[in-house]
Protein backbone atom coordinates (compact mmCIF):
# COMPACT_ATOMS: atom_id res chain seq x y z
CA MET A 1 37.62 41.92 153.37
CA SER A 2 37.53 45.38 154.88
CA PRO A 3 36.38 48.06 152.43
CA ALA A 4 39.49 50.01 153.44
CA PHE A 5 41.58 47.48 151.51
CA SER A 6 40.63 46.58 147.97
CA ARG A 7 42.23 45.03 144.93
CA ARG A 8 42.49 48.47 143.36
CA GLY A 9 44.07 49.77 146.54
CA PHE A 10 46.87 47.23 146.34
CA LEU A 11 47.29 47.00 142.59
CA GLY A 12 45.64 49.80 140.63
CA ALA A 13 47.54 53.02 140.20
CA ALA A 14 44.31 54.80 139.34
CA ALA A 15 43.06 54.35 142.87
CA TRP A 16 46.11 56.14 144.19
CA LEU A 17 46.39 59.20 142.02
CA PRO A 18 46.29 62.43 144.08
CA VAL A 19 42.79 62.93 145.41
CA GLY A 20 41.21 66.14 144.19
CA ALA A 21 39.64 68.77 146.38
CA LEU A 22 35.93 68.57 147.02
CA LEU A 23 33.92 71.17 145.17
CA PRO A 24 32.24 73.91 147.26
CA GLY A 25 28.83 72.30 146.84
CA GLN A 26 30.20 69.01 148.17
CA VAL A 27 31.55 70.48 151.40
CA THR A 28 29.08 70.20 154.26
CA ALA A 29 31.35 71.07 157.19
CA ASP A 30 31.80 74.62 158.40
CA PRO A 31 35.27 76.01 157.61
CA PRO A 32 37.72 76.47 160.47
CA PRO A 33 36.93 79.75 162.24
CA ALA A 34 38.78 82.90 161.18
CA PHE A 35 40.98 80.95 158.75
CA PRO A 36 43.62 83.26 157.22
CA ALA A 37 42.43 84.91 154.04
CA GLY A 38 44.39 84.37 150.85
CA ILE A 39 45.47 80.77 151.62
CA ASP A 40 43.68 78.11 149.58
CA LEU A 41 41.53 75.91 151.81
CA TYR A 42 39.58 72.82 150.77
CA ARG A 43 38.39 69.42 151.94
CA GLN A 44 40.41 66.46 150.70
CA ALA A 45 40.88 62.75 151.37
CA TYR A 46 44.04 61.46 153.00
CA ARG A 47 45.46 57.98 152.36
CA ASN A 48 48.92 56.76 153.23
CA TRP A 49 50.95 54.41 151.04
CA ALA A 50 49.28 51.10 151.93
CA GLY A 51 45.88 52.52 152.85
CA GLU A 52 46.17 51.62 156.53
CA ILE A 53 45.61 55.26 157.45
CA ARG A 54 42.81 56.93 155.55
CA THR A 55 40.17 59.52 156.12
CA ASP A 56 37.91 60.85 153.43
CA ASP A 57 37.34 64.45 154.39
CA LEU A 58 40.06 66.61 156.00
CA TRP A 59 40.60 70.33 155.79
CA THR A 60 43.69 70.91 153.68
CA CYS A 61 45.43 74.12 152.69
CA ALA A 62 48.21 75.11 150.32
CA PRO A 63 50.38 77.99 151.58
CA ARG A 64 52.31 79.86 148.92
CA THR A 65 55.21 81.09 151.04
CA PRO A 66 56.98 80.25 154.31
CA ALA A 67 55.41 83.43 155.70
CA ASP A 68 52.01 81.82 155.04
CA VAL A 69 53.05 78.89 157.21
CA VAL A 70 53.88 81.31 160.02
CA LEU A 71 50.47 82.90 159.60
CA LEU A 72 48.88 79.46 159.77
CA ALA A 73 50.84 78.50 162.89
CA ASN A 74 49.74 81.58 164.80
CA TRP A 75 46.16 81.08 163.64
CA ALA A 76 46.24 77.41 164.72
CA HIS A 77 47.63 78.36 168.13
CA GLY A 78 44.89 80.90 168.64
CA GLN A 79 42.09 78.59 167.50
CA GLY A 80 43.27 75.35 169.08
CA PHE A 81 44.04 73.56 165.81
CA ALA A 82 46.93 71.31 164.84
CA LEU A 83 48.83 71.70 161.56
CA ARG A 84 50.21 68.60 159.86
CA PRO A 85 52.66 69.01 156.96
CA ARG A 86 51.52 66.81 154.06
CA GLY A 87 53.63 65.69 151.16
CA PHE A 88 53.01 62.79 148.79
CA ARG A 89 51.73 60.43 151.53
CA HIS A 90 54.33 57.80 150.66
CA GLY A 91 54.76 56.56 154.21
CA TRP A 92 53.42 54.04 156.67
CA ALA A 93 53.72 55.37 160.24
CA PRO A 94 51.09 57.73 161.70
CA LEU A 95 53.43 60.72 161.71
CA THR A 96 51.08 62.95 159.70
CA VAL A 97 47.65 61.88 160.96
CA THR A 98 46.49 58.87 162.94
CA ALA A 99 44.12 56.19 161.69
CA ASP A 100 41.23 57.49 163.79
CA THR A 101 41.50 61.11 162.60
CA THR A 102 38.22 62.40 161.15
CA GLY A 103 37.03 65.50 159.40
CA ALA A 104 35.51 66.67 162.67
CA ASP A 105 38.91 66.93 164.37
CA ARG A 106 40.64 70.29 164.75
CA VAL A 107 43.33 69.42 162.24
CA VAL A 108 44.40 71.13 159.02
CA LEU A 109 46.76 69.42 156.61
CA VAL A 110 49.33 71.71 155.01
CA ASP A 111 50.13 70.63 151.47
CA THR A 112 53.72 71.67 150.83
CA THR A 113 53.90 70.21 147.33
CA GLU A 114 51.88 72.91 145.56
CA HIS A 115 54.04 75.96 146.13
CA LEU A 116 56.91 75.33 148.60
CA THR A 117 59.13 73.79 145.94
CA ALA A 118 61.83 76.36 145.08
CA MET A 119 65.44 75.23 144.67
CA THR A 120 68.72 77.11 144.25
CA VAL A 121 72.24 75.82 143.62
CA LEU A 122 74.92 77.28 145.88
CA PRO A 123 78.66 76.60 145.95
CA GLY A 124 78.91 72.99 147.14
CA ALA A 125 75.29 73.00 148.30
CA VAL A 126 71.66 73.25 147.32
CA ARG A 127 68.90 75.26 149.00
CA ALA A 128 65.48 73.65 148.70
CA GLN A 129 62.04 74.29 150.07
CA THR A 130 60.66 71.24 151.76
CA GLY A 131 57.74 70.56 149.42
CA ALA A 132 60.07 69.81 146.50
CA SER A 133 60.04 66.16 145.48
CA MET A 134 63.13 63.99 145.53
CA ASP A 135 62.55 63.40 141.82
CA ALA A 136 62.79 67.15 141.21
CA LEU A 137 65.71 67.69 143.58
CA LEU A 138 67.89 64.94 142.12
CA ALA A 139 67.14 66.04 138.55
CA PHE A 140 67.95 69.63 139.51
CA LEU A 141 71.24 68.52 141.03
CA GLU A 142 72.12 66.38 138.03
CA ASP A 143 71.66 69.33 135.71
CA ALA A 144 74.24 71.17 137.82
CA GLY A 145 76.68 68.25 137.83
CA LEU A 146 75.88 67.42 141.46
CA GLY A 147 74.44 64.45 143.30
CA VAL A 148 74.22 62.40 146.48
CA THR A 149 75.67 59.02 147.40
CA ASN A 150 72.38 57.41 148.40
CA THR A 151 68.69 58.24 148.53
CA PRO A 152 65.40 56.42 149.08
CA ALA A 153 64.32 54.39 146.04
CA PRO A 154 61.00 56.26 145.48
CA GLY A 155 61.14 59.76 144.05
CA ASP A 156 57.58 60.66 145.07
CA LEU A 157 58.76 61.87 148.48
CA THR A 158 59.16 65.45 149.62
CA VAL A 159 62.52 66.74 150.77
CA GLY A 160 60.91 67.68 154.07
CA GLY A 161 59.40 64.24 154.56
CA VAL A 162 62.67 62.47 153.83
CA LEU A 163 64.60 64.62 156.29
CA ALA A 164 61.96 64.31 159.00
CA ILE A 165 62.55 60.55 159.18
CA ASN A 166 66.27 60.48 158.20
CA GLY A 167 65.55 58.92 154.82
CA HIS A 168 68.35 56.80 153.39
CA GLY A 169 69.41 54.48 150.64
CA THR A 170 72.17 51.90 150.75
CA SER A 171 75.87 52.77 150.78
CA VAL A 172 79.12 52.21 152.62
CA PRO A 173 82.57 52.62 151.14
CA ALA A 174 83.74 49.67 149.09
CA VAL A 175 87.14 48.31 150.05
CA GLY A 176 89.63 50.93 148.84
CA GLU A 177 86.97 53.59 148.19
CA THR A 178 87.50 57.13 149.46
CA ARG A 179 84.52 59.31 150.30
CA PRO A 180 84.28 62.23 147.84
CA PRO A 181 83.91 65.75 149.27
CA GLY A 182 80.30 66.76 149.85
CA HIS A 183 79.01 63.21 150.18
CA THR A 184 77.96 61.02 153.10
CA TYR A 185 77.28 57.32 153.52
CA GLY A 186 74.75 58.12 156.25
CA SER A 187 71.20 59.39 155.91
CA LEU A 188 70.22 62.51 153.99
CA SER A 189 69.66 64.30 157.32
CA ASN A 190 73.43 64.24 157.71
CA LEU A 191 73.81 66.55 154.69
CA ILE A 192 71.95 69.48 156.26
CA LEU A 193 74.03 72.66 156.58
CA SER A 194 71.17 74.80 157.85
CA LEU A 195 67.40 74.72 158.04
CA THR A 196 64.57 77.18 158.54
CA ALA A 197 61.67 76.15 160.78
CA VAL A 198 58.53 77.74 162.19
CA VAL A 199 59.15 77.99 165.94
CA TRP A 200 57.70 79.70 169.00
CA ASP A 201 59.80 82.74 169.74
CA GLY A 202 58.95 85.84 171.77
CA GLY A 203 55.26 85.12 172.22
CA GLU A 204 54.42 84.04 168.69
CA TYR A 205 55.48 81.65 165.95
CA ARG A 206 58.20 82.94 163.65
CA LEU A 207 60.61 81.70 161.01
CA ARG A 208 64.06 80.97 162.39
CA THR A 209 67.12 79.63 160.62
CA PHE A 210 69.32 77.17 162.51
CA GLN A 211 72.92 76.50 161.51
CA ARG A 212 74.30 72.97 161.74
CA ASP A 213 76.58 73.85 164.65
CA GLU A 214 73.75 75.24 166.83
CA PRO A 215 72.70 72.94 169.69
CA GLU A 216 68.99 73.23 168.88
CA CYS A 217 69.59 72.13 165.30
CA ALA A 218 70.34 68.57 166.46
CA ALA A 219 66.68 67.91 167.29
CA LEU A 220 65.42 69.36 163.99
CA LEU A 221 67.69 67.40 161.65
CA THR A 222 65.38 64.37 162.12
CA HIS A 223 62.29 65.66 163.92
CA VAL A 224 59.91 62.72 163.24
CA GLY A 225 57.06 65.07 162.34
CA ARG A 226 57.28 67.14 165.53
CA ALA A 227 58.28 70.38 163.74
CA PHE A 228 57.59 72.30 160.54
CA VAL A 229 60.71 72.92 158.46
CA THR A 230 60.16 75.14 155.42
CA GLU A 231 63.61 75.21 153.82
CA VAL A 232 66.95 73.40 154.05
CA THR A 233 70.44 73.88 152.70
CA LEU A 234 72.14 70.57 151.93
CA ARG A 235 75.81 69.82 151.33
CA VAL A 236 76.21 68.08 147.99
CA GLY A 237 79.16 66.89 145.93
CA ALA A 238 80.07 66.15 142.35
CA ASN A 239 77.70 63.73 140.69
CA GLN A 240 78.88 60.16 140.19
CA ASN A 241 78.20 57.58 137.54
CA LEU A 242 77.11 54.24 138.93
CA ARG A 243 76.84 50.70 137.67
CA CYS A 244 74.12 48.38 139.00
CA VAL A 245 74.45 44.63 138.42
CA SER A 246 71.55 42.34 139.36
CA ARG A 247 71.90 38.65 140.18
CA VAL A 248 69.23 36.05 140.87
CA ASP A 249 71.40 32.92 140.82
CA ILE A 250 72.80 32.84 144.37
CA PRO A 251 70.92 30.63 146.86
CA ALA A 252 69.78 32.34 150.05
CA GLY A 253 71.70 29.71 151.99
CA GLU A 254 74.91 30.94 150.38
CA LEU A 255 74.21 34.68 150.27
CA PHE A 256 73.15 34.72 153.93
CA ALA A 257 75.50 31.95 155.11
CA PRO A 258 76.94 32.16 158.65
CA PRO A 259 80.44 33.64 158.87
CA GLY A 260 83.10 30.98 158.61
CA SER A 261 80.88 28.63 156.60
CA GLY A 262 83.18 28.64 153.61
CA ALA A 263 80.62 30.33 151.36
CA THR A 264 82.21 32.76 148.92
CA ARG A 265 79.26 34.60 147.34
CA THR A 266 78.09 36.15 150.58
CA PHE A 267 76.20 39.36 151.21
CA ALA A 268 79.27 40.83 152.96
CA SER A 269 81.57 39.91 150.07
CA PHE A 270 79.48 41.94 147.64
CA LEU A 271 79.40 44.78 150.16
CA ASP A 272 83.20 44.78 150.23
CA GLN A 273 83.40 44.72 146.44
CA THR A 274 80.90 47.47 145.64
CA GLY A 275 79.84 49.21 148.87
CA ARG A 276 76.19 49.41 147.80
CA VAL A 277 73.98 46.34 147.95
CA GLU A 278 70.33 45.40 148.34
CA ALA A 279 68.87 41.93 148.68
CA ILE A 280 65.19 41.41 147.79
CA TRP A 281 64.06 38.01 149.04
CA PHE A 282 60.54 37.01 148.07
CA ALA A 283 58.60 34.91 150.57
CA PHE A 284 58.99 31.13 150.23
CA THR A 285 61.74 31.38 147.60
CA ASP A 286 65.37 30.38 147.86
CA HIS A 287 67.17 32.75 145.46
CA PRO A 288 67.08 36.49 146.35
CA TRP A 289 67.33 39.29 143.82
CA LEU A 290 70.66 40.92 144.64
CA LYS A 291 71.48 44.40 143.37
CA ALA A 292 75.06 45.66 143.66
CA TRP A 293 75.86 49.26 142.76
CA SER A 294 79.44 50.46 142.28
CA VAL A 295 81.08 53.73 141.35
CA ALA A 296 82.00 53.54 137.64
CA PRO A 297 83.22 56.79 136.04
CA THR A 298 83.11 55.23 132.55
CA LYS A 299 80.64 52.74 131.11
CA PRO A 300 81.71 49.10 131.42
CA PRO A 301 81.51 47.25 128.09
CA THR A 302 78.67 44.96 129.23
CA SER A 303 76.50 47.67 130.82
CA ARG A 304 73.51 49.38 129.24
CA HIS A 305 73.53 53.16 129.49
CA VAL A 306 70.32 54.57 131.01
CA VAL A 307 69.42 58.25 131.02
CA THR A 308 66.21 58.13 133.07
CA PRO A 309 65.32 56.47 136.39
CA TYR A 310 62.76 53.70 137.11
CA ASN A 311 64.16 51.08 134.77
CA TYR A 312 62.64 47.94 136.31
CA VAL A 313 59.30 48.09 134.51
CA PHE A 314 58.36 44.55 135.54
CA SER A 315 58.28 45.58 139.22
CA ASP A 316 57.07 49.17 138.85
CA ASN A 317 54.12 48.16 136.69
CA VAL A 318 52.49 45.05 138.11
CA PRO A 319 52.19 42.33 135.42
CA GLU A 320 48.75 40.82 134.95
CA PRO A 321 49.66 37.33 136.28
CA VAL A 322 50.97 38.91 139.49
CA SER A 323 47.90 41.13 139.87
CA ASP A 324 45.55 38.22 139.21
CA LEU A 325 47.20 36.05 141.84
CA ALA A 326 47.35 38.95 144.30
CA ASP A 327 43.62 39.38 143.75
CA LEU A 328 43.08 35.78 144.85
CA LEU A 329 45.21 36.32 147.96
CA ILE A 330 43.47 39.44 149.19
CA THR A 331 40.07 37.90 148.62
CA GLY A 332 40.96 35.03 150.94
CA ALA A 333 43.15 32.46 149.15
CA TRP A 334 46.13 33.12 151.42
CA ALA A 335 47.42 29.54 151.05
CA LEU A 336 48.57 30.58 147.56
CA THR A 337 51.21 32.84 149.15
CA PRO A 338 54.14 30.47 148.37
CA THR A 339 53.02 30.38 144.73
CA PHE A 340 52.78 34.18 144.77
CA GLY A 341 56.34 34.49 146.10
CA GLN A 342 57.66 32.17 143.40
CA LEU A 343 55.78 34.12 140.72
CA GLN A 344 57.27 37.39 141.95
CA TYR A 345 60.76 35.87 141.83
CA THR A 346 60.19 34.44 138.33
CA THR A 347 58.83 37.78 137.14
CA ALA A 348 61.96 39.54 138.40
CA ALA A 349 64.37 36.93 137.04
CA THR A 350 62.81 36.83 133.57
CA GLY A 351 62.08 40.56 133.56
CA LEU A 352 65.72 41.47 134.15
CA THR A 353 66.72 39.55 131.05
CA ALA A 354 63.78 40.56 128.89
CA THR A 355 64.20 44.27 129.60
CA LEU A 356 68.02 44.27 129.46
CA THR A 357 68.27 45.57 133.02
CA THR A 358 70.69 43.04 134.51
CA ASP A 359 73.62 45.43 134.07
CA LEU A 360 72.89 49.17 134.02
CA TRP A 361 75.13 52.25 134.02
CA GLY A 362 74.44 55.95 134.20
CA ALA A 363 74.25 59.10 136.31
CA SER A 364 73.50 58.36 139.94
CA LYS A 365 69.83 59.32 140.09
CA ASN A 366 69.01 56.99 137.20
CA LEU A 367 70.35 54.04 139.18
CA LEU A 368 69.19 55.07 142.66
CA LEU A 369 65.52 55.79 141.90
CA TYR A 370 63.63 52.59 141.10
CA VAL A 371 60.28 52.46 142.95
CA LYS A 372 57.28 54.12 141.25
CA PRO A 373 53.80 54.77 142.67
CA THR A 374 52.49 52.02 140.37
CA THR A 375 54.22 49.21 142.26
CA LEU A 376 52.41 46.91 144.70
CA ARG A 377 51.05 48.79 147.72
CA GLU A 378 52.24 46.76 150.70
CA THR A 379 52.84 47.53 154.34
CA ALA A 380 56.33 47.14 155.79
CA ASN A 381 58.11 46.96 159.09
CA GLY A 382 61.49 48.62 159.45
CA TYR A 383 64.56 48.45 161.71
CA ALA A 384 68.18 49.57 161.61
CA VAL A 385 70.73 47.28 163.25
CA LEU A 386 73.84 49.23 164.23
CA THR A 387 76.96 47.07 164.17
CA SER A 388 80.53 46.92 162.90
CA ARG A 389 81.39 46.30 159.25
CA ALA A 390 83.05 43.02 160.27
CA GLU A 391 79.75 41.73 161.71
CA VAL A 392 77.46 42.45 158.74
CA GLN A 393 77.38 38.86 157.53
CA ARG A 394 76.58 37.59 161.03
CA VAL A 395 73.76 40.13 161.34
CA VAL A 396 72.09 39.11 158.07
CA SER A 397 72.70 35.40 158.67
CA ASP A 398 71.14 35.49 162.14
CA PHE A 399 68.12 37.31 160.73
CA ALA A 400 67.70 34.95 157.77
CA ALA A 401 67.78 31.87 160.01
CA PHE A 402 65.20 33.31 162.43
CA TYR A 403 62.96 34.62 159.65
CA GLU A 404 62.83 31.32 157.77
CA THR A 405 62.10 29.40 160.97
CA LEU A 406 59.33 31.80 161.95
CA LEU A 407 57.80 31.80 158.46
CA LEU A 408 57.70 27.98 158.47
CA ALA A 409 56.14 27.92 161.95
CA TYR A 410 53.31 30.16 160.77
CA LYS A 411 52.85 28.11 157.61
CA ASN A 412 52.53 24.97 159.71
CA ARG A 413 49.68 26.71 161.55
CA GLY A 414 47.97 27.48 158.24
CA LEU A 415 48.97 31.17 158.29
CA PHE A 416 50.79 33.13 155.60
CA PRO A 417 51.58 36.52 157.15
CA VAL A 418 54.25 37.58 154.63
CA THR A 419 53.09 37.93 151.03
CA GLY A 420 55.87 40.23 149.86
CA GLN A 421 59.59 40.27 150.34
CA VAL A 422 62.42 40.91 152.74
CA GLU A 423 64.59 43.89 151.76
CA ILE A 424 68.08 44.21 153.24
CA ARG A 425 70.36 47.23 152.75
CA VAL A 426 73.49 48.54 154.48
CA GLY A 427 74.28 52.19 155.13
CA GLY A 428 76.77 54.27 157.00
CA LEU A 429 76.09 56.14 160.22
CA ASP A 430 75.51 59.89 160.46
CA ASP A 431 79.04 61.18 160.95
CA PRO A 432 78.72 64.97 161.29
CA ALA A 433 82.27 65.44 160.00
CA HIS A 434 80.96 64.61 156.51
CA VAL A 435 79.12 67.92 156.26
CA GLY A 436 82.31 69.95 156.57
CA VAL A 437 81.09 72.34 159.29
CA PRO A 438 83.24 72.71 162.42
CA GLY A 439 81.16 71.75 165.43
CA ALA A 440 78.37 70.25 163.31
CA ARG A 441 75.74 68.54 165.44
CA THR A 442 74.77 64.91 165.00
CA PRO A 443 71.09 64.32 164.17
CA ALA A 444 69.73 63.55 167.65
CA LEU A 445 66.85 61.33 166.58
CA SER A 446 68.34 59.72 163.48
CA ALA A 447 68.08 55.95 163.55
CA VAL A 448 71.72 55.90 162.44
CA ARG A 449 73.02 58.29 165.07
CA PRO A 450 76.40 56.80 166.08
CA ARG A 451 76.79 55.18 169.48
CA GLU A 452 79.71 56.93 171.16
CA ASP A 453 80.12 54.00 173.56
CA HIS A 454 80.65 51.74 170.54
CA PRO A 455 82.96 53.57 168.13
CA GLU A 456 83.58 50.28 166.34
CA TRP A 457 79.99 50.27 165.13
CA ASP A 458 80.27 52.01 161.77
CA VAL A 459 77.33 50.68 159.72
CA ALA A 460 73.62 50.01 159.96
CA VAL A 461 71.92 47.01 158.37
CA TRP A 462 68.40 48.03 157.35
CA PHE A 463 65.65 45.39 157.31
CA ASP A 464 62.11 45.62 155.91
CA VAL A 465 59.55 42.83 155.55
CA LEU A 466 56.61 43.59 153.25
CA THR A 467 53.12 42.14 153.11
CA PHE A 468 49.52 42.98 152.31
CA PRO A 469 48.04 44.64 155.41
CA THR A 470 45.16 42.16 155.58
CA ALA A 471 47.33 39.03 155.55
CA PRO A 472 46.17 36.87 158.51
CA GLY A 473 48.65 36.87 161.36
CA ALA A 474 50.78 39.68 159.92
CA ALA A 475 50.81 41.86 163.06
CA ALA A 476 51.63 38.92 165.34
CA PHE A 477 54.40 37.82 162.97
CA TYR A 478 55.83 41.33 162.93
CA ARG A 479 55.64 41.44 166.73
CA GLU A 480 57.78 38.30 167.00
CA LEU A 481 60.26 39.73 164.50
CA GLU A 482 60.42 42.97 166.46
CA GLN A 483 61.11 41.14 169.70
CA PHE A 484 63.92 39.28 167.92
CA PHE A 485 65.48 42.53 166.73
CA PHE A 486 65.44 44.19 170.14
CA THR A 487 66.54 41.13 172.13
CA HIS A 488 69.00 39.44 169.77
CA TYR A 489 71.08 42.37 168.53
CA THR A 490 72.40 43.51 171.89
CA GLY A 491 75.55 43.90 173.97
CA SER A 492 78.83 44.49 172.19
CA TYR A 493 77.49 42.81 169.02
CA ALA A 494 74.83 45.23 167.79
CA SER A 495 71.83 47.40 168.68
CA THR A 496 68.44 48.03 167.04
CA ARG A 497 66.47 51.20 166.35
CA ALA A 498 63.09 51.56 164.66
CA GLU A 499 62.90 52.97 161.14
CA TRP A 500 60.61 55.96 161.67
CA SER A 501 58.58 55.80 158.47
CA LYS A 502 57.81 52.06 158.61
CA GLY A 503 55.93 49.70 160.97
CA TRP A 504 57.08 49.06 164.56
CA ALA A 505 55.69 48.89 168.12
CA TYR A 506 53.52 45.88 167.23
CA THR A 507 50.89 44.17 169.28
CA ASP A 508 49.34 40.97 167.95
CA GLU A 509 46.69 43.15 166.30
CA ALA A 510 48.39 46.28 164.97
CA ALA A 511 51.50 48.35 164.47
CA TRP A 512 52.37 51.50 166.47
CA SER A 513 50.30 50.17 169.37
CA ASP A 514 52.63 48.55 171.91
CA HIS A 515 52.81 51.11 174.70
CA THR A 516 56.03 49.70 176.18
CA VAL A 517 57.84 49.85 172.84
CA LEU A 518 56.52 53.38 172.18
CA THR A 519 57.38 54.82 175.59
CA SER A 520 60.37 52.75 176.65
CA THR A 521 62.06 50.47 174.10
CA VAL A 522 62.31 52.99 171.27
CA PRO A 523 63.28 56.00 173.43
CA ASP A 524 65.81 53.86 175.32
CA SER A 525 67.55 53.04 172.05
CA TYR A 526 68.64 56.71 172.03
CA ARG A 527 69.47 56.92 175.74
CA GLN A 528 72.49 54.64 175.61
CA GLY A 529 76.07 55.82 175.71
CA PRO A 530 77.78 58.80 177.32
CA ASN A 531 75.71 61.36 175.40
CA PRO A 532 72.06 60.21 175.30
CA SER A 533 69.99 62.19 172.84
CA TRP A 534 66.30 61.31 173.27
CA ASP A 535 65.29 63.46 176.24
CA ALA A 536 67.34 66.47 175.16
CA ALA A 537 65.81 66.34 171.68
CA ARG A 538 62.31 66.00 173.09
CA ALA A 539 62.89 69.01 175.37
CA THR A 540 64.13 71.08 172.42
CA LEU A 541 61.17 70.18 170.22
CA ASN A 542 58.77 71.02 173.04
CA ALA A 543 60.50 74.36 173.62
CA LEU A 544 60.28 75.24 169.92
CA ASP A 545 56.59 74.25 169.80
CA PRO A 546 55.28 74.45 173.39
CA HIS A 547 51.66 74.60 172.22
CA ARG A 548 52.01 71.38 170.17
CA VAL A 549 50.65 72.98 167.03
CA PHE A 550 52.91 70.55 165.14
CA SER A 551 51.85 67.31 166.80
CA ASN A 552 49.19 64.61 166.73
CA PRO A 553 47.88 62.01 169.22
CA PHE A 554 50.51 59.47 168.21
CA LEU A 555 53.40 61.93 168.61
CA ASP A 556 51.92 63.04 171.93
CA VAL A 557 52.63 59.51 173.19
CA LEU A 558 55.98 59.00 171.48
CA LEU A 559 57.38 62.47 172.22
CA PRO A 560 55.26 63.84 175.08
């Protein structure tokens, strides 16, 4: 097993606590020349969520103000350095640094989490600096009686990181539900009213605020790491109380049944009932864990009131039997993967009952945040399938049939590439009308940017498949899945886009490596329709940062 991936790396929270700065006596490299005085600078390790991208010794700094970031940008331009905003490193794709980045490269990480964390409530909005965590933002909003409709499940994400990759949760309107003012069923990027970024302007880098109706703002709403945003103002609405009911009794064959099969407890039926669903389907099991959230102003009699988030302790804190079996897998006993999947399912099914978490109710953040840093550290692919609400069941059924067939084919070859679970969610598209600004621009590079040539497509089905990065055959398996997504969901039925923060562009050996997918397939998914957005957004980002201070070798290929 590669030393880059260890049992502690997958299972032990202690291995993943924030890495401290090296002491002056431990630093052997010369500091970057003429580095701005007054900004803390140190050497620090970088590791992403699953440890696939890691380097042990990078220059890192912690600016105290947005003006410091401007100072850094002009210094980097003059010295030939790149600046990479760094949050909590809870991501997979090489949008911050690439896997081959070393301490000798002319790169400085900019830690936004130390000081760029201020937040202010405004009428119907919140202003936040981009280093604030989602945990802090949602708690801040709750205290003011405000909230959002959906959000990513982890709270250890920065606001800036979430917006850079159009972070999302799971939500569409239930049948009969009306969208409340200030809310959106799309990604969080669709809530931006204005943003302030460091951009090239008049011969130097400066701070500039962009309003949502400005043409250039479209490229910055989801910039995929190709810009440095220091502050955003987000539209928000009144907070909502939610109920979340979990079920583990519905067979996958029924939940993901083909349309017209006669099945009644289908994925789409729960979507119609509640508007907010997630299916977690462990490998080689036949009963998914289904979560269904619904708006519930008052507590239902059977629900348990929760006042804090992260209530599924059996998944956020890996039980010893699961960690012991995972240890056997990652040390070579991959044939135990079916047993591992069944153990994960049993742990969830019994844990829900034992911890009284089958039926929860409370303020939105306490139901929407449920993934802690102490959970299993797995890699994941990610795709959004744009389609119509009427076709959701067909989309998930087609996927489930292909996935099961492919998983069995690999098993028959003695390979077990998926050790984790499939996760399926459904969200709305980024309708700019939701923000309440006349002329508001649509996020140009959001994976859920609407297709104007298909106005009937009103939802996106999000798919992730999780596994340990060292599972034999994982990259090849993911490659076949990716080819299915881009070739099956086509025409008037549906269309696929990559989920920026996850794994995509697979070769048989690695993610983010297929040149055709990077330079053609993914860009082309934004070039369809009467108003293609890819090339215009790329031109805007290049104009705002012509010296590529805010770029890296991966982004230089994706967004040249």
